[in-house]
C-alpha atoms as a PDB file:
ATOM      1  CA  ARG A   1     119.303 151.441-167.536  1.00  0.00           C
ATOM      2  CA  ASN A   2     120.193 148.509-170.401  1.00  0.00           C
ATOM      3  CA  LYS A   3     121.645 146.353-167.367  1.00  0.00           C
ATOM      4  CA  LEU A   4     118.486 146.538-165.181  1.00  0.00           C
ATOM      5  CA  ARG A   5     116.382 146.031-168.444  1.00  0.00           C
ATOM      6  CA  PHE A   6     118.536 142.813-169.234  1.00  0.00           C
ATOM      7  CA  ASP A   7     118.495 141.960-165.700  1.00  0.00           C
ATOM      8  CA  ILE A   8     114.754 141.762-165.796  1.00  0.00           C
ATOM      9  CA  ASP A   9     114.618 140.027-169.163  1.00  0.00           C
ATOM     10  CA  ALA A  10     116.493 136.760-167.847  1.00  0.00           C
ATOM     11  CA  LYS A  11     114.960 136.707-164.558  1.00  0.00           C
ATOM     12  CA  ASP A  12     111.694 136.636-166.364  1.00  0.00           C
ATOM     13  CA  ARG A  13     112.648 133.815-168.792  1.00  0.00           C
ATOM     14  CA  THR A  14     114.273 131.520-166.103  1.00  0.00           C
ATOM     15  CA  LYS A  15     110.907 132.296-163.813  1.00  0.00           C
ATOM     16  CA  GLN A  16     109.122 131.063-167.095  1.00  0.00           C
ATOM     17  CA  ALA A  17     111.142 127.776-167.334  1.00  0.00           C
ATOM     18  CA  PHE A  18     111.045 126.612-164.018  1.00  0.00           C
ATOM     19  CA  GLY A  19     107.452 127.515-163.711  1.00  0.00           C
ATOM     20  CA  ARG A  20     106.572 124.948-166.423  1.00  0.00           C
ATOM     21  CA  ILE A  21     108.661 122.503-164.383  1.00  0.00           C
ATOM     22  CA  ARG A  22     106.579 122.898-161.330  1.00  0.00           C
ATOM     23  CA  ARG A  23     103.569 122.168-163.030  1.00  0.00           C
ATOM     24  CA  SER A  24     105.010 119.078-164.526  1.00  0.00           C
ATOM     25  CA  LEU A  25     106.294 118.067-161.278  1.00  0.00           C
ATOM     26  CA  SER A  26     103.013 118.829-159.651  1.00  0.00           C
ATOM     27  CA  GLY A  27     101.172 116.398-161.861  1.00  0.00           C
ATOM     28  CA  LEU A  28     103.680 113.779-161.630  1.00  0.00           C
ATOM     29  CA  LYS A  29     103.616 114.034-157.745  1.00  0.00           C
ATOM     30  CA  LYS A  30      99.567 113.507-157.539  1.00  0.00           C
ATOM     31  CA  SER A  31     100.446 110.309-159.647  1.00  0.00           C
ATOM     32  CA  ILE A  32     102.861 109.052-157.469  1.00  0.00           C
ATOM     33  CA  PHE A  33     100.738 109.799-154.144  1.00  0.00           C
ATOM     34  CA  SER A  34      98.442 107.293-155.640  1.00  0.00           C
ATOM     35  CA  VAL A  35     101.128 104.475-155.100  1.00  0.00           C
ATOM     36  CA  GLN A  36     101.839 106.129-151.372  1.00  0.00           C
ATOM     37  CA  GLY A  37     105.017 107.186-152.710  1.00  0.00           C
ATOM     38  CA  ALA A  38     105.309 109.774-150.001  1.00  0.00           C
ATOM     39  CA  LEU A  39     105.212 106.787-147.290  1.00  0.00           C
ATOM     40  CA  ILE A  40     108.410 105.205-148.756  1.00  0.00           C
ATOM     41  CA  GLY A  41     110.073 108.868-148.268  1.00  0.00           C
ATOM     42  CA  LEU A  42     108.824 109.224-144.861  1.00  0.00           C
ATOM     43  CA  GLY A  43     109.643 105.588-143.942  1.00  0.00           C
ATOM     44  CA  ALA A  44     113.278 105.387-145.141  1.00  0.00           C
ATOM     45  CA  GLY A  45     113.816 109.067-143.449  1.00  0.00           C
ATOM     46  CA  MET A  46     112.725 107.542-140.276  1.00  0.00           C
ATOM     47  CA  VAL A  47     114.576 104.421-140.096  1.00  0.00           C
ATOM     48  CA  GLY A  48     118.032 106.375-141.348  1.00  0.00           C
ATOM     49  CA  LYS A  49     120.438 105.271-143.928  1.00  0.00           C
ATOM     50  CA  SER A  50     122.301 103.153-141.435  1.00  0.00           C
ATOM     51  CA  PHE A  51     119.160 100.778-140.952  1.00  0.00           C
ATOM     52  CA  ILE A  52     118.358 100.373-144.441  1.00  0.00           C
ATOM     53  CA  LYS A  53     122.282  99.200-145.444  1.00  0.00           C
ATOM     54  CA  THR A  54     121.942  96.535-142.807  1.00  0.00           C
ATOM     55  CA  ALA A  55     118.986  95.481-144.450  1.00  0.00           C
ATOM     56  CA  MET A  56     120.639  95.158-147.625  1.00  0.00           C
ATOM     57  CA  ASP A  57     123.796  93.311-146.231  1.00  0.00           C
ATOM     58  CA  ILE A  58     121.555  91.251-144.099  1.00  0.00           C
ATOM     59  CA  GLU A  59     119.508  90.091-146.942  1.00  0.00           C
ATOM     60  CA  ASN A  60     122.478  89.815-149.128  1.00  0.00           C
ATOM     61  CA  LEU A  61     123.827  87.397-146.558  1.00  0.00           C
ATOM     62  CA  GLN A  62     121.198  85.176-145.991  1.00  0.00           C
ATOM     63  CA  LEU A  63     120.671  84.903-149.803  1.00  0.00           C
ATOM     64  CA  ARG A  64     124.515  83.689-150.454  1.00  0.00           C
ATOM     65  CA  PHE A  65     124.061  81.386-147.590  1.00  0.00           C
ATOM     66  CA  LYS A  66     121.303  79.963-149.659  1.00  0.00           C
ATOM     67  CA  PHE A  67     123.109  79.250-152.427  1.00  0.00           C
ATOM     68  CA  LEU A  68     126.516  78.406-150.795  1.00  0.00           C
ATOM     69  CA  PHE A  69     124.668  75.939-148.487  1.00  0.00           C
ATOM     70  CA  LYS A  70     122.330  74.370-150.992  1.00  0.00           C
ATOM     71  CA  THR A  71     119.032  74.757-149.348  1.00  0.00           C
ATOM     72  CA  THR A  72     117.399  77.910-147.345  1.00  0.00           C
ATOM     73  CA  LYS A  73     117.142  75.748-144.067  1.00  0.00           C
ATOM     74  CA  GLU A  74     121.027  75.076-143.825  1.00  0.00           C
ATOM     75  CA  GLY A  75     121.625  78.326-144.865  1.00  0.00           C
ATOM     76  CA  ASN A  76     119.340  79.986-141.956  1.00  0.00           C
ATOM     77  CA  LYS A  77     121.100  77.346-139.743  1.00  0.00           C
ATOM     78  CA  ALA A  78     124.285  78.908-140.641  1.00  0.00           C
ATOM     79  CA  PHE A  79     123.065  82.598-140.054  1.00  0.00           C
ATOM     80  CA  GLY A  80     121.922  81.477-136.937  1.00  0.00           C
ATOM     81  CA  GLU A  81     125.364  79.957-135.753  1.00  0.00           C
ATOM     82  CA  LEU A  82     126.568  83.191-137.124  1.00  0.00           C
ATOM     83  CA  THR A  83     124.317  85.808-134.490  1.00  0.00           C
ATOM     84  CA  LYS A  84     124.901  83.048-131.519  1.00  0.00           C
ATOM     85  CA  PHE A  85     128.618  83.226-132.287  1.00  0.00           C
ATOM     86  CA  ALA A  86     128.725  87.220-132.650  1.00  0.00           C
ATOM     87  CA  ALA A  87     126.876  87.531-129.049  1.00  0.00           C
ATOM     88  CA  LYS A  88     130.037  86.303-127.237  1.00  0.00           C
ATOM     89  CA  VAL A  89     133.181  87.420-128.947  1.00  0.00           C
ATOM     90  CA  PRO A  90     134.886  91.022-128.956  1.00  0.00           C
ATOM     91  CA  PHE A  91     134.046  91.691-132.354  1.00  0.00           C
ATOM     92  CA  SER A  92     132.198  93.987-134.883  1.00  0.00           C
ATOM     93  CA  LEU A  93     129.093  91.873-135.596  1.00  0.00           C
ATOM     94  CA  GLU A  94     128.763  93.895-138.831  1.00  0.00           C
ATOM     95  CA  GLN A  95     132.313  92.587-139.561  1.00  0.00           C
ATOM     96  CA  ILE A  96     131.666  89.074-138.882  1.00  0.00           C
ATOM     97  CA  ALA A  97     128.809  88.906-141.231  1.00  0.00           C
ATOM     98  CA  GLN A  98     130.722  90.587-143.937  1.00  0.00           C
ATOM     99  CA  GLY A  99     133.401  87.979-142.977  1.00  0.00           C
ATOM    100  CA  SER A 100     131.020  84.846-142.749  1.00  0.00           C
ATOM    101  CA  GLY A 101     130.793  84.915-146.595  1.00  0.00           C
ATOM    102  CA  ASN A 102     134.182  84.018-147.357  1.00  0.00           C
ATOM    103  CA  LEU A 103     133.981  81.594-144.866  1.00  0.00           C
ATOM    104  CA  ALA A 104     131.084  80.064-146.297  1.00  0.00           C
ATOM    105  CA  VAL A 105     132.662  79.547-149.441  1.00  0.00           C
ATOM    106  CA  VAL A 106     135.325  77.153-147.823  1.00  0.00           C
ATOM    107  CA  THR A 107     132.743  75.012-145.296  1.00  0.00           C
ATOM    108  CA  LYS A 108     130.375  72.622-146.492  1.00  0.00           C
ATOM    109  CA  ASP A 109     127.403  73.269-143.707  1.00  0.00           C
ATOM    110  CA  ALA A 110     126.305  75.369-140.808  1.00  0.00           C
ATOM    111  CA  GLU A 111     127.798  73.175-138.374  1.00  0.00           C
ATOM    112  CA  GLU A 112     131.383  73.304-139.549  1.00  0.00           C
ATOM    113  CA  LEU A 113     131.077  77.001-140.437  1.00  0.00           C
ATOM    114  CA  LYS A 114     130.442  77.306-136.734  1.00  0.00           C
ATOM    115  CA  LYS A 115     133.953  76.165-135.945  1.00  0.00           C
ATOM    116  CA  MET A 116     135.632  78.397-138.631  1.00  0.00           C
ATOM    117  CA  LEU A 117     133.750  81.565-137.317  1.00  0.00           C
ATOM    118  CA  GLU A 118     135.437  80.142-133.718  1.00  0.00           C
ATOM    119  CA  ILE A 119     139.090  79.565-135.302  1.00  0.00           C
ATOM    120  CA  THR A 120     138.647  82.599-137.144  1.00  0.00           C
ATOM    121  CA  GLY A 121     138.159  84.424-134.025  1.00  0.00           C
ATOM    122  CA  ASN A 122     141.040  83.164-132.305  1.00  0.00           C
ATOM    123  CA  VAL A 123     143.246  84.288-135.310  1.00  0.00           C
ATOM    124  CA  ALA A 124     142.075  87.625-135.211  1.00  0.00           C
ATOM    125  CA  ALA A 125     142.646  87.663-131.311  1.00  0.00           C
ATOM    126  CA  VAL A 126     146.281  86.537-131.956  1.00  0.00           C
ATOM    127  CA  THR A 127     147.450  88.463-134.872  1.00  0.00           C
ATOM    128  CA  GLY A 128     145.456  92.036-134.201  1.00  0.00           C
ATOM    129  CA  LEU A 129     143.688  91.684-137.276  1.00  0.00           C
ATOM    130  CA  ASP A 130     140.526  92.980-137.947  1.00  0.00           C
ATOM    131  CA  PHE A 131     137.526  89.832-138.317  1.00  0.00           C
ATOM    132  CA  ARG A 132     136.753  90.578-141.976  1.00  0.00           C
ATOM    133  CA  THR A 133     140.381  90.666-142.995  1.00  0.00           C
ATOM    134  CA  THR A 134     141.289  87.419-140.909  1.00  0.00           C
ATOM    135  CA  ALA A 135     138.372  85.757-142.584  1.00  0.00           C
ATOM    136  CA  GLU A 136     140.004  86.436-146.491  1.00  0.00           C
ATOM    137  CA  GLN A 137     143.352  85.421-145.256  1.00  0.00           C
ATOM    138  CA  ILE A 138     141.771  82.179-143.933  1.00  0.00           C
ATOM    139  CA  GLN A 139     139.781  81.446-146.861  1.00  0.00           C
ATOM    140  CA  ARG A 140     142.752  81.735-148.825  1.00  0.00           C
ATOM    141  CA  SER A 141     144.548  79.266-146.597  1.00  0.00           C
ATOM    142  CA  PHE A 142     141.738  76.990-146.875  1.00  0.00           C
ATOM    143  CA  GLY A 143     141.382  77.147-150.554  1.00  0.00           C
ATOM    144  CA  ALA A 144     145.237  77.193-151.768  1.00  0.00           C
ATOM    145  CA  GLY A 145     147.272  76.200-149.086  1.00  0.00           C
ATOM    146  CA  ILE A 146     149.040  78.847-146.381  1.00  0.00           C
ATOM    147  CA  GLY A 147     151.274  80.007-148.648  1.00  0.00           C
ATOM    148  CA  ALA A 148     148.321  82.039-150.185  1.00  0.00           C
ATOM    149  CA  ALA A 149     147.467  83.981-147.564  1.00  0.00           C
ATOM    150  CA  ASP A 150     150.597  86.811-147.326  1.00  0.00           C
ATOM    151  CA  LEU A 151     149.068  88.903-144.669  1.00  0.00           C
ATOM    152  CA  PHE A 152     149.624  85.677-142.267  1.00  0.00           C
ATOM    153  CA  ARG A 153     152.898  85.210-143.564  1.00  0.00           C
ATOM    154  CA  ASP A 154     153.847  88.709-142.450  1.00  0.00           C
ATOM    155  CA  ARG A 155     151.996  88.499-139.090  1.00  0.00           C
ATOM    156  CA  GLY A 156     154.014  85.493-138.521  1.00  0.00           C
ATOM    157  CA  VAL A 157     151.155  82.961-138.663  1.00  0.00           C
ATOM    158  CA  ARG A 158     152.847  80.703-141.079  1.00  0.00           C
ATOM    159  CA  ALA A 159     155.786  80.564-138.214  1.00  0.00           C
ATOM    160  CA  LEU A 160     153.279  79.976-135.421  1.00  0.00           C
ATOM    161  CA  MET A 161     151.904  77.003-137.107  1.00  0.00           C
ATOM    162  CA  GLY A 162     155.390  75.481-137.398  1.00  0.00           C
ATOM    163  CA  PHE A 163     155.804  75.611-141.050  1.00  0.00           C
ATOM    164  CA  LYS A 164     158.993  76.530-142.364  1.00  0.00           C
ATOM    165  CA  ALA A 165     159.472  79.480-144.616  1.00  0.00           C
ATOM    166  CA  GLY A 166     159.684  78.215-148.450  1.00  0.00           C
ATOM    167  CA  ALA A 167     158.530  74.947-147.682  1.00  0.00           C
ATOM    168  CA  LYS A 168     155.167  73.733-149.537  1.00  0.00           C
ATOM    169  CA  VAL A 169     152.364  72.897-147.615  1.00  0.00           C
ATOM    170  CA  THR A 170     149.177  71.405-148.358  1.00  0.00           C
ATOM    171  CA  ILE A 171     145.532  72.450-148.447  1.00  0.00           C
ATOM    172  CA  GLU A 172     144.868  69.508-146.089  1.00  0.00           C
ATOM    173  CA  GLU A 173     147.993  70.036-143.679  1.00  0.00           C
ATOM    174  CA  THR A 174     146.815  73.472-143.252  1.00  0.00           C
ATOM    175  CA  ARG A 175     143.470  72.884-142.336  1.00  0.00           C
ATOM    176  CA  GLU A 176     144.757  70.358-139.866  1.00  0.00           C
ATOM    177  CA  ARG A 177     147.064  72.589-138.110  1.00  0.00           C
ATOM    178  CA  PHE A 178     144.486  75.420-138.314  1.00  0.00           C
ATOM    179  CA  PHE A 179     142.024  73.525-135.979  1.00  0.00           C
ATOM    180  CA  GLU A 180     144.804  71.827-134.312  1.00  0.00           C
ATOM    181  CA  LEU A 181     146.075  75.137-132.675  1.00  0.00           C
ATOM    182  CA  PHE A 182     143.269  77.427-133.374  1.00  0.00           C
ATOM    183  CA  GLY A 183     140.439  74.803-132.976  1.00  0.00           C
ATOM    184  CA  LYS A 184     138.514  73.973-129.633  1.00  0.00           C
ATOM    185  CA  GLY A 185     140.783  72.788-126.720  1.00  0.00           C
ATOM    186  CA  GLY A 186     143.803  74.246-128.985  1.00  0.00           C
ATOM    187  CA  ALA A 187     146.822  76.287-127.737  1.00  0.00           C
ATOM    188  CA  PHE A 188     144.991  79.212-129.083  1.00  0.00           C
ATOM    189  CA  GLY A 189     141.592  77.892-128.623  1.00  0.00           C
ATOM    190  CA  ASP A 190     140.548  80.721-126.206  1.00  0.00           C
ATOM    191  CA  ALA A 191     142.121  83.595-127.470  1.00  0.00           C
ATOM    192  CA  ALA A 192     138.839  85.307-128.891  1.00  0.00           C
ATOM    193  CA  ASN A 193     137.079  84.877-125.606  1.00  0.00           C
ATOM    194  CA  GLU A 194     139.965  86.048-123.011  1.00  0.00           C
ATOM    195  CA  MET A 195     139.886  89.366-125.447  1.00  0.00           C
ATOM    196  CA  ALA A 196     136.162  89.524-125.152  1.00  0.00           C
ATOM    197  CA  ASP A 197     137.230  90.667-121.352  1.00  0.00           C
ATOM    198  CA  THR A 198     139.374  93.641-122.246  1.00  0.00           C
ATOM    199  CA  PHE A 199     138.095  97.043-122.495  1.00  0.00           C
ATOM    200  CA  THR A 200     138.245  96.934-126.398  1.00  0.00           C
ATOM    201  CA  GLY A 201     136.093  93.795-126.244  1.00  0.00           C
ATOM    202  CA  THR A 202     133.622  95.683-124.246  1.00  0.00           C
ATOM    203  CA  LEU A 203     133.115  98.393-126.309  1.00  0.00           C
ATOM    204  CA  SER A 204     133.169  96.067-129.547  1.00  0.00           C
ATOM    205  CA  MET A 205     130.205  94.007-127.639  1.00  0.00           C
ATOM    206  CA  LEU A 206     128.254  97.385-127.164  1.00  0.00           C
ATOM    207  CA  GLY A 207     128.633  98.469-130.597  1.00  0.00           C
ATOM    208  CA  ASP A 208     127.264  94.973-131.424  1.00  0.00           C
ATOM    209  CA  LYS A 209     124.193  95.713-129.647  1.00  0.00           C
ATOM    210  CA  TRP A 210     123.215  98.525-131.608  1.00  0.00           C
ATOM    211  CA  PHE A 211     123.601  96.262-134.744  1.00  0.00           C
ATOM    212  CA  LYS A 212     121.666  93.595-133.295  1.00  0.00           C
ATOM    213  CA  PHE A 213     118.845  96.016-132.815  1.00  0.00           C
ATOM    214  CA  GLN A 214     119.152  97.569-136.438  1.00  0.00           C
ATOM    215  CA  MET A 215     118.907  93.687-137.638  1.00  0.00           C
ATOM    216  CA  GLU A 216     115.665  92.841-135.475  1.00  0.00           C
ATOM    217  CA  THR A 217     114.535  96.001-136.562  1.00  0.00           C
ATOM    218  CA  VAL A 218     114.690  95.431-140.027  1.00  0.00           C
ATOM    219  CA  GLU A 219     113.634  91.689-139.909  1.00  0.00           C
ATOM    220  CA  SER A 220     110.202  92.901-138.730  1.00  0.00           C
ATOM    221  CA  ALA A 221     107.511  93.375-140.742  1.00  0.00           C
ATOM    222  CA  PHE A 222     108.631  97.148-141.530  1.00  0.00           C
ATOM    223  CA  PHE A 223     111.342  96.240-144.039  1.00  0.00           C
ATOM    224  CA  SER A 224     109.056  93.806-146.063  1.00  0.00           C
ATOM    225  CA  LYS A 225     106.400  96.417-146.206  1.00  0.00           C
ATOM    226  CA  LEU A 226     108.905  99.006-147.088  1.00  0.00           C
ATOM    227  CA  LYS A 227     110.079  96.676-149.868  1.00  0.00           C
ATOM    228  CA  ALA A 228     106.726  96.292-151.462  1.00  0.00           C
ATOM    229  CA  LYS A 229     105.949  99.864-151.697  1.00  0.00           C
ATOM    230  CA  PHE A 230     109.615 100.339-153.607  1.00  0.00           C
ATOM    231  CA  GLY A 231     108.316  97.790-155.577  1.00  0.00           C
ATOM    232  CA  ASP A 232     105.154  99.825-156.028  1.00  0.00           C
ATOM    233  CA  LEU A 233     107.471 102.835-157.041  1.00  0.00           C
ATOM    234  CA  ASN A 234     109.336 101.012-159.479  1.00  0.00           C
ATOM    235  CA  ASN A 235     106.088  99.462-161.284  1.00  0.00           C
ATOM    236  CA  PHE A 236     104.416 102.810-161.531  1.00  0.00           C
ATOM    237  CA  LEU A 237     107.728 104.274-163.159  1.00  0.00           C
ATOM    238  CA  ASP A 238     107.664 101.419-165.460  1.00  0.00           C
ATOM    239  CA  MET A 239     104.203 101.721-166.641  1.00  0.00           C
ATOM    240  CA  HIS A 240     104.763 105.604-166.882  1.00  0.00           C
ATOM    241  CA  GLN A 241     108.535 105.818-168.240  1.00  0.00           C
ATOM    242  CA  GLU A 242     106.856 108.360-171.037  1.00  0.00           C
ATOM    243  CA  LYS A 243     105.849 110.789-168.449  1.00  0.00           C
ATOM    244  CA  VAL A 244     108.671 110.660-166.684  1.00  0.00           C
ATOM    245  CA  SER A 245     111.118 111.101-169.868  1.00  0.00           C
ATOM    246  CA  GLN A 246     109.175 114.135-171.159  1.00  0.00           C
ATOM    247  CA  LEU A 247     109.918 115.667-167.656  1.00  0.00           C
ATOM    248  CA  ALA A 248     113.478 115.117-167.539  1.00  0.00           C
ATOM    249  CA  GLU A 249     113.470 116.803-171.019  1.00  0.00           C
ATOM    250  CA  LYS A 250     111.571 119.638-169.911  1.00  0.00           C
ATOM    251  CA  PHE A 251     113.624 119.820-166.716  1.00  0.00           C
ATOM    252  CA  GLY A 252     116.684 119.488-168.803  1.00  0.00           C
ATOM    253  CA  ARG A 253     115.517 122.642-170.927  1.00  0.00           C
ATOM    254  CA  GLY A 254     115.137 124.393-168.268  1.00  0.00           C
ATOM    255  CA  LEU A 255     118.255 124.156-166.469  1.00  0.00           C
ATOM    256  CA  ALA A 256     119.871 124.992-169.854  1.00  0.00           C
ATOM    257  CA  VAL A 257     117.815 128.277-170.168  1.00  0.00           C
ATOM    258  CA  ALA A 258     118.709 129.113-166.452  1.00  0.00           C
ATOM    259  CA  VAL A 259     122.638 128.295-166.993  1.00  0.00           C
ATOM    260  CA  GLU A 260     122.287 130.649-170.295  1.00  0.00           C
ATOM    261  CA  ASN A 261     121.069 133.451-168.914  1.00  0.00           C
ATOM    262  CA  THR A 262     123.459 133.231-165.751  1.00  0.00           C
ATOM    263  CA  ALA A 263     126.139 133.078-168.482  1.00  0.00           C
ATOM    264  CA  LYS A 264     124.945 135.880-170.341  1.00  0.00           C
ATOM    265  CA  ALA A 265     124.310 137.983-167.230  1.00  0.00           C
ATOM    266  CA  MET A 266     128.116 137.483-165.777  1.00  0.00           C
ATOM    267  CA  VAL A 267     129.699 138.336-169.182  1.00  0.00           C
ATOM    268  CA  PHE A 268     127.341 141.517-169.079  1.00  0.00           C
ATOM    269  CA  LEU A 269     128.862 142.226-165.887  1.00  0.00           C
ATOM    270  CA  VAL A 270     132.221 141.624-166.995  1.00  0.00           C
ATOM    271  CA  GLU A 271     132.079 144.005-170.066  1.00  0.00           C
ATOM    272  CA  GLN A 272     130.674 146.954-167.830  1.00  0.00           C
END
């Protein structure tokens, strides 16, 4: 009988606590609907996590290009070169987008970035490294010389370029040799294009089609509207911060009551 009375009392207290929380949530829910918060959740759910991630990655890269290439026009031109390059090589467009940020650091304009993308693709094809990792090693090589690129040393790139182990190689010599060997007309200047004809290359380019579809989707009016709605929600929360804080406090008290009652119930059952 005591056990039954205890269970009923615990359940009743928990029910009352969560009842107060539900009433508070109901009030806040009505306010959020005033800025179409439901549409934000619906839109995000329909597009999917991968679309949103693609949108953020692309937007951040475009902003980075704007700063690295000094102007929005040159940044957009560089981004255009990236997408054209990705359409004809057997590397993930997502990895090319990620790696291009590293390449942009050691290039002066969009035209030079185009050449750097080609060189990086050829080096990746020869070494077997993925495009993003290759771009990181290219950045180190062009920023501090071939000696700074540990992975290139391990993959034999230094030896392939004719540099002797232990010899000091300048940045200028490193750049010149990369362009000579892996640039257009070089001994390895067509490595990436040849790799595109392999089965691995075909699968990679099929994957790029999906990424390109995601990119074109998020660049449509949808993403700008989604950002605007999230902006509205952010402004709403700023305006009603006190109410949100009160709700959080009530929710915390309700959870505390539930945890306390559950613990008491477990102790009671063990002691029987």
